[in-house]
Amino acid sequence: MARRTFPPRWLWAVWSVLLVLIVVVRRVVDMGDSGMTNVATFALLLLAAISGVLWFVFGSAFGAKLRFGSLVGLVVAGFVLPWVVEVRGFSGEMVPVLGLRGGGVTGPTADAPAAAGAAIDLLATTPYDFAGFLGSDRNMRVDNVRLAHDWTTTPPELLWKQPIGSGWGGYAVVNGLAATLEERDGRELVTLYDVATGDLIWAREIGGAFYHVLGGAGPRSTPLIHEGVVYAMGVRGHLVALEGATGAIIWERDVLADYGISIAEEDLNVAYGRPTSPLVVGDSLIVGVGGSVGSRVSVAAYQKDHGEVLWESGNHNISMASPGYGVLGGVEQVLMVNQNWVSGHDPVTGTVLWEFEWPGLTAGDSNVSQAVPVPPDKVFISKGYGLGAALYRLVPQSDGTFAPENIWNSARVMRTKLTNAAIKDGYVYGLSEGVLECIELETGERAWKAGRYHHGQILLVGDVVLVLTEDGELVMVEASPERRNNVLGQIQAIDGHTWNTFALYGDIVVVRNEQEAAAYRLPLDLPLVFPAGFGDSPEE
């Protein structure tokens, strides 16, 4: 067959078949996850490119120098590019995040002491504290702040913006002081900042470097500030209680060593890094554990002042969620989303009060979203990867436990892959496969779905939903089932790949991602109210 400079019919046929398959994958087949759809699309495009290159080099009529020179060029580029460009992770839709090699954030490479002259008081609290993961009540809601709806006339005021170490956790903010976890120069640090200025107060090293090709570098969890103590869980299970004023270690535990979990087992079971944000209930500091088959513990409670183990419960591997708290059926409960089960535990004894299956594989299609308590007796749960959402009622049993009764479940709504859902006035708001969605809680019926914000985070503040997009944009949307994605204001808060949760301390919103952090003062519709004689407000 004579060589040609124009692609032959068989190559056009191959490309046509691949094009049809791409259309089927993207428009016809529901793969349950846009990331998997993108992976399949990329694979098909790669096949199309390879077939074209093979024909050009070995079957076309172009000159030998051009054909084989192009092949050599592609091979050389394949060797050189990884030395210049690095894959820093993947977006929630499995799009690679690229950057030039080097240039990472440097900073405190050893324990930094408290800043001279700084007023450091984490024992004092304010009505506007955001004390840990998803807020002081761990429900993604701030009910005592009313934001102004017009960011055009009165835009948010930038207080500070600066580089930060790698990591995917958020901030805990108490009395004007913000704690987070970050990795700098291969060291995992708990750090404390002044929320109004961004000044570093202290840094405490608790671990080393961590990296996963899909999840990126650094720790995954958010610290908790409670009664003057900063509690934090490192990416490799180093659990610490730090003195709030200085960062000095009060007590520490190695969770992996406590439960005989080897690094190999950890990498197999929790490939993306240990995610638990600690929770305090009474005298107990509660964290997820996981572990090996046969000796697995779902959740454990440590004495918060001294670190002794108080109880252990369950036999499931952990997920990427953290323990939550609620009063359901008149009973205090710790809610735990495990690898493939959701469970409720007595916070004093750890006794399993109820559980139901919720499929997932922590090293694959992880359960990330929290179980949301819906008093007086319901639990809402959601997840990405095509599983969707469900609502359960807890029916009391004669032995003091509860039987979960499914009210509804739907694979069509609230596919909250890397984020969580918040509930207001009988409606649930969340990012479903990256699109803001509002559904009716009691039925699971969709009120609306609009606004592609990708796999960012949300926070329900009074009558609005604040959305921090995966690209670092902060958007204010009206929280209304009647008005579809009614955007009231938006700013580019930070730059870069943003999966982190964010905090609101009074009128100050604190945001971060793997490379940058910032704080903005948001305009208010109603002034902040403090008790008579109370200390400094967030505005002072």
Protein backbone atom coordinates (compact mmCIF):
# COMPACT_ATOMS: atom_id res chain seq x y z
CA MET A 1 0.00 0.00 0.00
CA ALA A 2 1.40 3.40 -0.97
CA ARG A 3 2.30 5.78 1.82
CA ARG A 4 0.16 8.90 2.15
CA THR A 5 0.50 12.34 3.75
CA PHE A 6 -3.21 12.33 4.54
CA PRO A 7 -4.61 9.97 7.22
CA PRO A 8 -6.04 6.78 5.64
CA ARG A 9 -9.62 5.58 5.98
CA TRP A 10 -8.81 3.01 8.68
CA LEU A 11 -7.39 5.77 10.91
CA TRP A 12 -10.47 7.94 10.37
CA ALA A 13 -12.57 4.90 11.28
CA VAL A 14 -10.59 4.39 14.51
CA TRP A 15 -10.95 8.07 15.40
CA SER A 16 -14.68 7.97 14.64
CA VAL A 17 -15.22 4.97 16.92
CA LEU A 18 -13.23 6.63 19.69
CA LEU A 19 -15.23 9.85 19.25
CA VAL A 20 -18.50 7.92 19.55
CA LEU A 21 -17.19 6.23 22.71
CA ILE A 22 -16.26 9.63 24.18
CA VAL A 23 -19.78 10.93 23.51
CA VAL A 24 -21.28 7.80 25.11
CA VAL A 25 -19.04 8.10 28.17
CA ARG A 26 -19.75 11.81 28.66
CA ARG A 27 -23.41 12.03 27.62
CA VAL A 28 -25.06 8.62 27.88
CA VAL A 29 -23.43 6.50 30.60
CA ASP A 30 -23.61 7.70 34.22
CA MET A 31 -20.31 6.55 35.70
CA GLY A 32 -21.34 7.94 39.08
CA ASP A 33 -18.40 10.34 39.25
CA SER A 34 -17.25 13.09 36.89
CA GLY A 35 -13.65 12.25 37.76
CA MET A 36 -14.02 8.73 36.42
CA THR A 37 -15.73 10.16 33.34
CA ASN A 38 -12.73 12.41 32.75
CA VAL A 39 -10.29 9.51 33.25
CA ALA A 40 -12.17 7.42 30.67
CA THR A 41 -12.27 10.38 28.27
CA PHE A 42 -8.52 10.96 28.66
CA ALA A 43 -7.81 7.27 28.00
CA LEU A 44 -9.81 7.37 24.78
CA LEU A 45 -8.11 10.60 23.66
CA LEU A 46 -4.74 9.02 24.44
CA LEU A 47 -5.61 6.05 22.22
CA ALA A 48 -6.56 8.46 19.45
CA ALA A 49 -3.23 10.31 19.81
CA ILE A 50 -1.18 7.09 19.92
CA SER A 51 -2.86 5.74 16.79
CA GLY A 52 -2.17 9.01 14.99
CA VAL A 53 1.50 9.07 16.06
CA LEU A 54 2.02 5.45 15.02
CA TRP A 55 0.60 6.14 11.56
CA PHE A 56 2.63 9.36 11.18
CA VAL A 57 5.93 7.69 12.14
CA PHE A 58 5.55 4.29 10.51
CA GLY A 59 2.89 4.68 7.82
CA SER A 60 2.90 8.19 6.40
CA ALA A 61 4.75 9.47 3.33
CA PHE A 62 6.53 12.28 5.14
CA GLY A 63 10.32 12.29 5.07
CA ALA A 64 12.19 9.95 7.39
CA LYS A 65 13.96 12.82 9.15
CA LEU A 66 10.64 14.49 10.01
CA ARG A 67 8.93 11.27 11.04
CA PHE A 68 11.66 9.84 13.24
CA GLY A 69 12.84 13.26 14.41
CA SER A 70 9.33 13.90 15.72
CA LEU A 71 9.37 10.55 17.51
CA VAL A 72 12.73 11.34 19.11
CA GLY A 73 11.39 14.77 20.12
CA LEU A 74 8.39 13.20 21.83
CA VAL A 75 10.61 10.73 23.70
CA VAL A 76 13.03 13.48 24.82
CA ALA A 77 10.11 15.68 25.93
CA GLY A 78 8.77 12.73 27.92
CA PHE A 79 12.07 12.51 29.80
CA VAL A 80 12.67 16.26 30.25
CA LEU A 81 9.20 17.45 31.27
CA PRO A 82 9.11 15.57 34.61
CA TRP A 83 12.30 17.42 35.61
CA VAL A 84 10.67 20.80 34.92
CA VAL A 85 6.99 20.27 35.63
CA GLU A 86 5.50 18.27 38.49
CA VAL A 87 2.03 16.91 39.12
CA ARG A 88 1.03 18.49 42.44
CA GLY A 89 -2.16 16.53 42.67
CA PHE A 90 -5.48 16.18 40.91
CA SER A 91 -8.66 18.20 41.10
CA GLY A 92 -11.86 16.62 42.33
CA GLU A 93 -12.67 15.91 38.69
CA MET A 94 -9.33 14.10 38.19
CA VAL A 95 -7.74 16.91 36.18
CA PRO A 96 -4.00 17.07 36.99
CA VAL A 97 -2.78 20.15 38.87
CA LEU A 98 0.61 21.07 37.38
CA GLY A 99 3.37 23.38 38.54
CA LEU A 100 7.05 24.10 38.10
CA ARG A 101 9.30 22.01 40.30
CA GLY A 102 10.64 23.66 43.44
CA GLY A 103 9.43 26.90 44.93
CA GLY A 104 7.60 25.30 47.85
CA VAL A 105 6.63 27.31 50.92
CA THR A 106 9.36 27.62 53.50
CA GLY A 107 8.87 28.78 57.04
CA PRO A 108 9.43 27.62 60.59
CA THR A 109 11.67 24.57 60.23
CA ALA A 110 11.75 23.93 63.97
CA ASP A 111 9.41 24.69 66.83
CA ALA A 112 8.77 28.43 66.90
CA PRO A 113 8.12 29.96 70.33
CA ALA A 114 5.29 32.33 71.12
CA ALA A 115 5.74 35.73 69.51
CA ALA A 116 7.14 38.30 71.90
CA GLY A 117 4.50 40.60 73.31
CA ALA A 118 1.60 38.74 71.67
CA ALA A 119 -1.65 38.48 73.62
CA ILE A 120 -2.31 34.75 73.51
CA ASP A 121 -5.43 33.66 75.35
CA LEU A 122 -7.26 30.59 74.10
CA LEU A 123 -9.06 30.13 77.42
CA ALA A 124 -11.16 33.21 76.72
CA THR A 125 -13.97 32.63 74.24
CA THR A 126 -16.34 34.79 72.20
CA PRO A 127 -19.87 34.15 70.88
CA TYR A 128 -18.37 34.05 67.38
CA ASP A 129 -15.70 31.39 67.82
CA PHE A 130 -15.31 28.76 65.11
CA ALA A 131 -13.54 26.24 67.32
CA GLY A 132 -12.92 23.33 64.96
CA PHE A 133 -13.83 21.37 61.86
CA LEU A 134 -17.05 22.77 60.29
CA GLY A 135 -17.56 25.11 63.25
CA SER A 136 -18.00 24.95 67.01
CA ASP A 137 -21.07 22.70 66.60
CA ARG A 138 -19.55 20.78 63.65
CA ASN A 139 -22.65 21.43 61.50
CA MET A 140 -21.37 23.86 58.80
CA ARG A 141 -23.63 26.60 60.13
CA VAL A 142 -23.07 30.05 61.61
CA ASP A 143 -26.44 31.23 62.89
CA ASN A 144 -25.51 34.39 64.83
CA VAL A 145 -24.02 36.41 61.95
CA ARG A 146 -26.03 38.24 59.29
CA LEU A 147 -24.02 39.25 56.23
CA ALA A 148 -24.88 42.20 54.00
CA HIS A 149 -26.16 41.06 50.61
CA ASP A 150 -24.39 43.73 48.55
CA TRP A 151 -20.70 43.17 47.88
CA THR A 152 -20.68 45.70 45.03
CA THR A 153 -21.26 48.81 47.12
CA THR A 154 -19.39 47.44 50.16
CA PRO A 155 -16.95 44.75 49.06
CA PRO A 156 -15.11 42.43 51.46
CA GLU A 157 -11.94 44.01 52.88
CA LEU A 158 -8.69 42.09 52.51
CA LEU A 159 -6.95 41.91 55.90
CA TRP A 160 -4.00 39.78 54.81
CA LYS A 161 -2.88 37.23 52.24
CA GLN A 162 0.28 35.14 52.44
CA PRO A 163 1.87 31.80 51.52
CA ILE A 164 1.16 28.76 53.69
CA GLY A 165 2.52 25.24 53.89
CA SER A 166 0.85 22.31 52.13
CA GLY A 167 -2.23 20.69 53.61
CA TRP A 168 -5.96 20.24 53.17
CA GLY A 169 -7.32 21.12 56.61
CA GLY A 170 -9.03 24.32 57.69
CA TYR A 171 -8.78 26.74 60.60
CA ALA A 172 -10.08 26.59 64.15
CA VAL A 173 -10.55 30.14 65.47
CA VAL A 174 -11.03 31.15 69.11
CA ASN A 175 -10.68 34.64 70.58
CA GLY A 176 -8.96 36.01 67.48
CA LEU A 177 -6.43 33.17 67.19
CA ALA A 178 -6.48 30.67 64.31
CA ALA A 179 -4.92 27.19 64.42
CA THR A 180 -4.25 24.97 61.43
CA LEU A 181 -2.00 22.12 60.25
CA GLU A 182 0.54 22.53 57.46
CA GLU A 183 3.65 20.93 55.99
CA ARG A 184 6.75 23.08 55.44
CA ASP A 185 10.19 21.84 54.43
CA GLY A 186 9.15 18.23 55.04
CA ARG A 187 7.89 18.94 58.57
CA GLU A 188 4.28 18.61 59.70
CA LEU A 189 3.40 21.56 61.93
CA VAL A 190 0.52 22.74 64.07
CA THR A 191 0.55 26.52 63.69
CA LEU A 192 -1.25 29.37 65.43
CA TYR A 193 -1.85 32.76 63.78
CA ASP A 194 -3.39 36.10 64.67
CA VAL A 195 -6.60 36.03 62.63
CA ALA A 196 -6.64 39.81 62.07
CA THR A 197 -3.02 40.18 60.89
CA GLY A 198 -1.88 36.75 59.72
CA ASP A 199 1.15 36.94 62.04
CA LEU A 200 2.53 33.57 63.14
CA ILE A 201 2.21 33.16 66.92
CA TRP A 202 3.81 29.73 67.33
CA ALA A 203 4.54 26.52 65.44
CA ARG A 204 4.93 23.00 66.81
CA GLU A 205 6.39 20.15 64.77
CA ILE A 206 4.46 16.88 65.16
CA GLY A 207 5.45 14.78 62.14
CA GLY A 208 7.14 14.50 58.78
CA ALA A 209 6.36 14.78 55.10
CA PHE A 210 3.44 13.06 53.40
CA TYR A 211 2.46 12.89 49.74
CA HIS A 212 -0.07 11.03 47.62
CA VAL A 213 -0.16 11.49 43.86
CA LEU A 214 -3.95 12.01 43.82
CA GLY A 215 -4.26 13.80 47.15
CA GLY A 216 -1.16 15.97 47.16
CA ALA A 217 1.11 16.83 50.10
CA GLY A 218 0.60 17.64 53.75
CA PRO A 219 -1.86 16.94 56.58
CA ARG A 220 -5.59 16.48 55.99
CA SER A 221 -7.33 17.38 59.26
CA THR A 222 -8.37 20.53 61.15
CA PRO A 223 -7.32 21.20 64.77
CA LEU A 224 -9.79 21.67 67.62
CA ILE A 225 -9.45 24.43 70.23
CA HIS A 226 -11.09 23.55 73.54
CA GLU A 227 -10.63 25.16 76.98
CA GLY A 228 -7.30 26.70 76.02
CA VAL A 229 -5.87 23.54 74.45
CA VAL A 230 -5.19 22.87 70.75
CA TYR A 231 -5.86 19.24 69.80
CA ALA A 232 -4.62 17.94 66.45
CA MET A 233 -4.27 14.68 64.55
CA GLY A 234 -1.32 14.39 62.17
CA VAL A 235 -1.49 12.73 58.78
CA ARG A 236 0.32 9.65 60.17
CA GLY A 237 -1.76 9.37 63.35
CA HIS A 238 0.27 11.54 65.72
CA LEU A 239 -2.36 12.84 68.16
CA VAL A 240 -1.32 15.84 70.29
CA ALA A 241 -2.70 18.18 72.92
CA LEU A 242 -0.84 21.51 72.88
CA GLU A 243 -0.84 24.32 75.42
CA GLY A 244 -2.64 27.16 73.63
CA ALA A 245 -0.43 30.02 74.80
CA THR A 246 2.91 28.46 73.85
CA GLY A 247 2.34 25.39 71.67
CA ALA A 248 4.07 23.21 74.27
CA ILE A 249 3.06 19.54 74.24
CA ILE A 250 0.75 18.56 77.10
CA TRP A 251 0.41 14.96 75.94
CA GLU A 252 0.79 12.99 72.74
CA ARG A 253 -0.13 9.57 71.39
CA ASP A 254 0.94 7.61 68.33
CA VAL A 255 -2.38 6.12 67.19
CA LEU A 256 -0.73 3.79 64.67
CA ALA A 257 1.60 2.40 67.35
CA ASP A 258 -1.23 2.17 69.89
CA TYR A 259 -3.19 -0.11 67.57
CA GLY A 260 -0.34 -1.95 65.88
CA ILE A 261 -0.93 -0.40 62.47
CA SER A 262 2.13 -0.61 60.24
CA ILE A 263 2.92 2.05 57.63
CA ALA A 264 2.29 -0.54 54.91
CA GLU A 265 -1.17 -1.28 56.34
CA GLU A 266 -1.86 2.43 56.70
CA ASP A 267 -0.92 3.10 53.08
CA LEU A 268 -3.20 0.25 52.00
CA ASN A 269 -6.17 1.19 54.18
CA VAL A 270 -5.91 5.00 54.32
CA ALA A 271 -3.98 5.78 51.17
CA TYR A 272 -4.76 9.52 51.11
CA GLY A 273 -3.56 10.17 54.66
CA ARG A 274 -5.26 10.08 58.06
CA PRO A 275 -8.10 12.64 58.01
CA THR A 276 -9.60 12.70 61.53
CA SER A 277 -10.37 16.10 63.04
CA PRO A 278 -10.67 15.47 66.82
CA LEU A 279 -13.96 15.94 68.69
CA VAL A 280 -14.43 16.65 72.41
CA VAL A 281 -17.55 15.39 74.18
CA GLY A 282 -17.41 15.75 77.96
CA ASP A 283 -14.01 14.49 79.12
CA SER A 284 -13.40 12.48 75.95
CA LEU A 285 -11.30 13.39 72.93
CA ILE A 286 -12.75 11.21 70.16
CA VAL A 287 -10.98 10.16 66.96
CA GLY A 288 -11.33 7.56 64.21
CA VAL A 289 -8.86 4.67 64.36
CA GLY A 290 -9.37 1.87 61.80
CA GLY A 291 -6.56 -0.66 61.54
CA SER A 292 -6.02 -4.25 60.46
CA VAL A 293 -8.67 -6.91 59.97
CA GLY A 294 -9.20 -8.79 63.24
CA SER A 295 -7.91 -5.97 65.46
CA ARG A 296 -9.77 -3.06 63.91
CA VAL A 297 -11.30 -0.30 66.06
CA SER A 298 -13.69 2.16 64.43
CA VAL A 299 -13.44 4.92 67.00
CA ALA A 300 -11.61 5.57 70.27
CA ALA A 301 -11.90 8.09 73.09
CA TYR A 302 -8.90 9.51 74.95
CA GLN A 303 -9.09 11.38 78.25
CA LYS A 304 -8.76 14.94 76.98
CA ASP A 305 -6.56 16.22 79.84
CA HIS A 306 -4.09 13.32 80.07
CA GLY A 307 -4.42 11.15 76.95
CA GLU A 308 -5.38 7.80 78.51
CA VAL A 309 -7.67 5.57 76.44
CA LEU A 310 -11.19 5.67 77.89
CA TRP A 311 -12.98 3.38 75.44
CA GLU A 312 -12.79 1.73 72.03
CA SER A 313 -15.72 0.81 69.82
CA GLY A 314 -16.62 -0.80 66.50
CA ASN A 315 -14.58 -2.90 64.08
CA HIS A 316 -14.72 -0.93 60.81
CA ASN A 317 -11.95 0.84 58.97
CA ILE A 318 -12.02 4.62 59.02
CA SER A 319 -13.21 6.78 56.15
CA MET A 320 -12.17 10.32 55.24
CA ALA A 321 -14.84 11.74 57.58
CA SER A 322 -14.49 12.80 61.23
CA PRO A 323 -16.58 12.00 64.30
CA GLY A 324 -19.66 14.15 64.80
CA TYR A 325 -22.06 14.79 67.69
CA GLY A 326 -25.81 15.00 68.12
CA VAL A 327 -28.72 14.32 70.47
CA LEU A 328 -31.07 11.88 68.75
CA GLY A 329 -33.94 10.02 70.32
CA GLY A 330 -33.15 12.00 73.46
CA VAL A 331 -29.70 10.35 73.68
CA GLU A 332 -26.28 11.96 73.25
CA GLN A 333 -24.45 10.26 70.41
CA VAL A 334 -21.15 10.29 68.54
CA LEU A 335 -21.85 9.84 64.83
CA MET A 336 -19.13 8.06 62.86
CA VAL A 337 -18.97 7.58 59.10
CA ASN A 338 -16.73 4.55 58.65
CA GLN A 339 -15.32 3.01 55.48
CA ASN A 340 -18.57 1.19 54.65
CA TRP A 341 -20.86 1.72 57.65
CA VAL A 342 -22.36 4.66 59.51
CA SER A 343 -22.67 4.20 63.27
CA GLY A 344 -23.81 5.93 66.44
CA HIS A 345 -21.94 5.51 69.73
CA ASP A 346 -22.57 6.32 73.38
CA PRO A 347 -20.05 9.14 74.14
CA VAL A 348 -19.42 7.85 77.68
CA THR A 349 -18.97 4.12 77.03
CA GLY A 350 -18.53 3.86 73.26
CA THR A 351 -21.40 1.34 73.00
CA VAL A 352 -22.67 0.98 69.43
CA LEU A 353 -26.24 2.33 69.50
CA TRP A 354 -27.01 1.72 65.81
CA GLU A 355 -25.36 1.26 62.43
CA PHE A 356 -26.27 0.89 58.77
CA GLU A 357 -24.32 0.06 55.63
CA TRP A 358 -22.93 2.93 53.58
CA PRO A 359 -20.66 1.46 50.87
CA GLY A 360 -17.19 2.81 50.33
CA LEU A 361 -13.49 2.01 50.10
CA THR A 362 -11.27 4.52 51.87
CA ALA A 363 -8.43 3.91 49.42
CA GLY A 364 -10.84 4.35 46.47
CA ASP A 365 -14.40 5.73 46.55
CA SER A 366 -14.00 7.26 50.00
CA ASN A 367 -16.79 8.28 52.32
CA VAL A 368 -15.89 11.92 52.99
CA SER A 369 -19.12 13.63 54.05
CA GLN A 370 -20.28 13.84 57.65
CA ALA A 371 -23.43 12.20 58.95
CA VAL A 372 -25.72 15.12 59.84
CA PRO A 373 -27.93 14.71 62.94
CA VAL A 374 -31.50 15.90 62.33
CA PRO A 375 -33.27 16.16 65.70
CA PRO A 376 -35.31 14.71 67.14
CA ASP A 377 -34.57 11.29 65.60
CA LYS A 378 -33.14 11.40 62.06
CA VAL A 379 -29.74 11.17 60.34
CA PHE A 380 -28.93 12.59 56.90
CA ILE A 381 -26.01 11.17 54.95
CA SER A 382 -24.54 11.91 51.52
CA LYS A 383 -21.64 10.89 49.31
CA GLY A 384 -20.15 11.25 45.83
CA TYR A 385 -19.05 8.44 43.49
CA GLY A 386 -22.66 7.92 42.39
CA LEU A 387 -24.10 6.90 45.77
CA GLY A 388 -26.04 10.09 46.49
CA ALA A 389 -27.95 10.73 49.72
CA ALA A 390 -30.27 9.11 52.23
CA LEU A 391 -32.35 9.94 55.30
CA TYR A 392 -32.79 7.52 58.21
CA ARG A 393 -35.03 7.52 61.27
CA LEU A 394 -33.68 6.01 64.49
CA VAL A 395 -36.35 3.82 66.08
CA PRO A 396 -35.80 3.14 69.83
CA GLN A 397 -35.43 -0.51 70.90
CA SER A 398 -36.11 -2.11 74.29
CA ASP A 399 -32.39 -2.64 74.99
CA GLY A 400 -31.55 1.05 74.66
CA THR A 401 -30.23 0.81 71.09
CA PHE A 402 -31.87 2.09 67.91
CA ALA A 403 -32.95 0.45 64.65
CA PRO A 404 -32.17 2.65 61.60
CA GLU A 405 -35.22 2.89 59.32
CA ASN A 406 -34.60 4.20 55.82
CA ILE A 407 -37.01 6.99 54.88
CA TRP A 408 -35.58 7.61 51.41
CA ASN A 409 -32.41 7.25 49.40
CA SER A 410 -31.50 8.62 45.99
CA ALA A 411 -28.44 8.28 43.78
CA ARG A 412 -29.51 11.41 41.89
CA VAL A 413 -29.03 14.05 44.60
CA MET A 414 -26.31 15.40 46.92
CA ARG A 415 -23.31 13.61 45.46
CA THR A 416 -21.02 15.39 47.91
CA LYS A 417 -17.71 13.89 46.85
CA LEU A 418 -15.20 16.03 48.80
CA THR A 419 -17.49 18.27 50.79
CA ASN A 420 -20.41 18.28 53.24
CA ALA A 421 -24.05 19.28 53.35
CA ALA A 422 -25.78 21.84 55.57
CA ILE A 423 -29.47 21.95 56.55
CA LYS A 424 -31.70 25.01 56.96
CA ASP A 425 -35.49 25.23 57.34
CA GLY A 426 -36.12 21.74 56.00
CA TYR A 427 -33.79 22.02 53.00
CA VAL A 428 -30.32 20.63 52.39
CA TYR A 429 -27.63 22.64 50.58
CA GLY A 430 -24.43 21.14 49.18
CA LEU A 431 -22.09 20.79 46.22
CA SER A 432 -23.33 17.79 44.26
CA GLU A 433 -20.59 16.72 41.84
CA GLY A 434 -19.38 20.31 42.02
CA VAL A 435 -22.77 21.95 41.33
CA LEU A 436 -24.66 23.76 44.10
CA GLU A 437 -27.86 21.88 44.90
CA CYS A 438 -30.86 22.40 47.16
CA ILE A 439 -33.12 19.46 48.07
CA GLU A 440 -36.07 18.95 50.39
CA LEU A 441 -34.92 17.07 53.48
CA GLU A 442 -38.04 14.99 54.13
CA THR A 443 -38.46 13.69 50.57
CA GLY A 444 -35.09 14.01 48.84
CA GLU A 445 -36.76 15.89 46.00
CA ARG A 446 -34.58 18.45 44.24
CA ALA A 447 -35.63 22.09 44.52
CA TRP A 448 -32.85 23.26 42.20
CA LYS A 449 -29.33 22.53 41.02
CA ALA A 450 -27.22 25.24 39.38
CA GLY A 451 -23.85 26.97 39.54
CA ARG A 452 -20.72 24.95 38.80
CA TYR A 453 -18.29 25.60 41.67
CA HIS A 454 -16.42 22.31 41.29
CA HIS A 455 -15.28 20.44 44.39
CA GLY A 456 -14.97 23.31 46.84
CA GLN A 457 -16.62 23.86 50.22
CA ILE A 458 -19.67 25.65 51.63
CA LEU A 459 -20.74 27.28 54.89
CA LEU A 460 -24.33 28.23 55.76
CA VAL A 461 -24.29 31.73 57.32
CA GLY A 462 -27.68 33.03 58.38
CA ASP A 463 -29.71 33.39 55.20
CA VAL A 464 -26.86 32.84 52.72
CA VAL A 465 -24.56 30.07 51.59
CA LEU A 466 -20.88 30.99 51.32
CA VAL A 467 -19.17 28.88 48.66
CA LEU A 468 -15.39 28.59 48.43
CA THR A 469 -14.82 27.17 44.96
CA GLU A 470 -12.12 24.68 44.00
CA ASP A 471 -10.38 27.59 42.24
CA GLY A 472 -10.32 29.79 45.36
CA GLU A 473 -13.26 32.10 44.56
CA LEU A 474 -15.56 33.09 47.45
CA VAL A 475 -19.20 33.34 46.37
CA MET A 476 -22.24 34.40 48.39
CA VAL A 477 -25.50 32.71 47.32
CA GLU A 478 -28.97 33.22 48.75
CA ALA A 479 -30.09 30.22 50.84
CA SER A 480 -33.55 29.83 49.34
CA PRO A 481 -35.34 26.83 47.82
CA GLU A 482 -37.30 29.22 45.57
CA ARG A 483 -34.42 31.20 44.06
CA ARG A 484 -32.03 29.11 42.02
CA ASN A 485 -28.34 29.90 42.61
CA ASN A 486 -29.04 33.57 43.31
CA VAL A 487 -25.47 34.93 43.51
CA LEU A 488 -25.25 38.03 45.73
CA GLY A 489 -21.51 38.62 45.56
CA GLN A 490 -18.19 37.07 44.66
CA ILE A 491 -14.47 37.73 44.98
CA GLN A 492 -11.29 35.86 44.05
CA ALA A 493 -10.17 35.12 47.60
CA ILE A 494 -7.05 33.01 46.98
CA ASP A 495 -5.34 31.40 44.01
CA GLY A 496 -4.71 27.72 43.49
CA HIS A 497 -6.24 24.32 44.04
CA THR A 498 -8.67 24.71 46.97
CA TRP A 499 -10.31 21.76 48.74
CA ASN A 500 -9.98 23.14 52.28
CA THR A 501 -12.88 23.97 54.56
CA PHE A 502 -12.95 27.58 55.76
CA ALA A 503 -13.87 29.43 58.96
CA LEU A 504 -15.97 32.48 59.82
CA TYR A 505 -15.04 34.33 63.01
CA GLY A 506 -17.59 37.09 63.48
CA ASP A 507 -17.23 39.09 60.27
CA ILE A 508 -13.79 37.68 59.38
CA VAL A 509 -13.65 34.80 56.92
CA VAL A 510 -10.38 32.82 56.91
CA VAL A 511 -9.59 30.72 53.85
CA ARG A 512 -6.65 28.60 52.75
CA ASN A 513 -5.51 25.96 50.31
CA GLU A 514 -2.29 24.06 49.72
CA GLN A 515 -0.26 27.18 48.96
CA GLU A 516 -1.99 30.37 50.10
CA ALA A 517 -4.08 31.70 52.99
CA ALA A 518 -6.07 34.91 53.44
CA ALA A 519 -8.56 36.68 55.68
CA TYR A 520 -11.30 39.10 54.64
CA ARG A 521 -13.67 41.25 56.67
CA LEU A 522 -17.17 40.76 55.28
CA PRO A 523 -19.80 43.52 55.35
CA LEU A 524 -22.58 42.93 57.87
CA ASP A 525 -26.32 43.40 57.65
CA LEU A 526 -26.62 43.42 61.45
CA PRO A 527 -23.86 44.43 63.90
CA LEU A 528 -22.19 41.80 66.04
CA VAL A 529 -23.63 41.63 69.55
CA PHE A 530 -21.53 40.90 72.64
CA PRO A 531 -22.66 40.47 76.24
CA ALA A 532 -22.18 43.52 78.46
CA GLY A 533 -18.64 43.69 79.74
CA PHE A 534 -17.42 41.07 77.27
CA GLY A 535 -13.87 41.29 75.94
CA ASP A 536 -12.65 42.46 72.57
CA SER A 537 -14.84 41.80 69.55
CA PRO A 538 -13.52 40.42 66.24
CA GLU A 539 -13.76 43.97 64.87
CA GLU A 540 -11.39 45.44 67.42
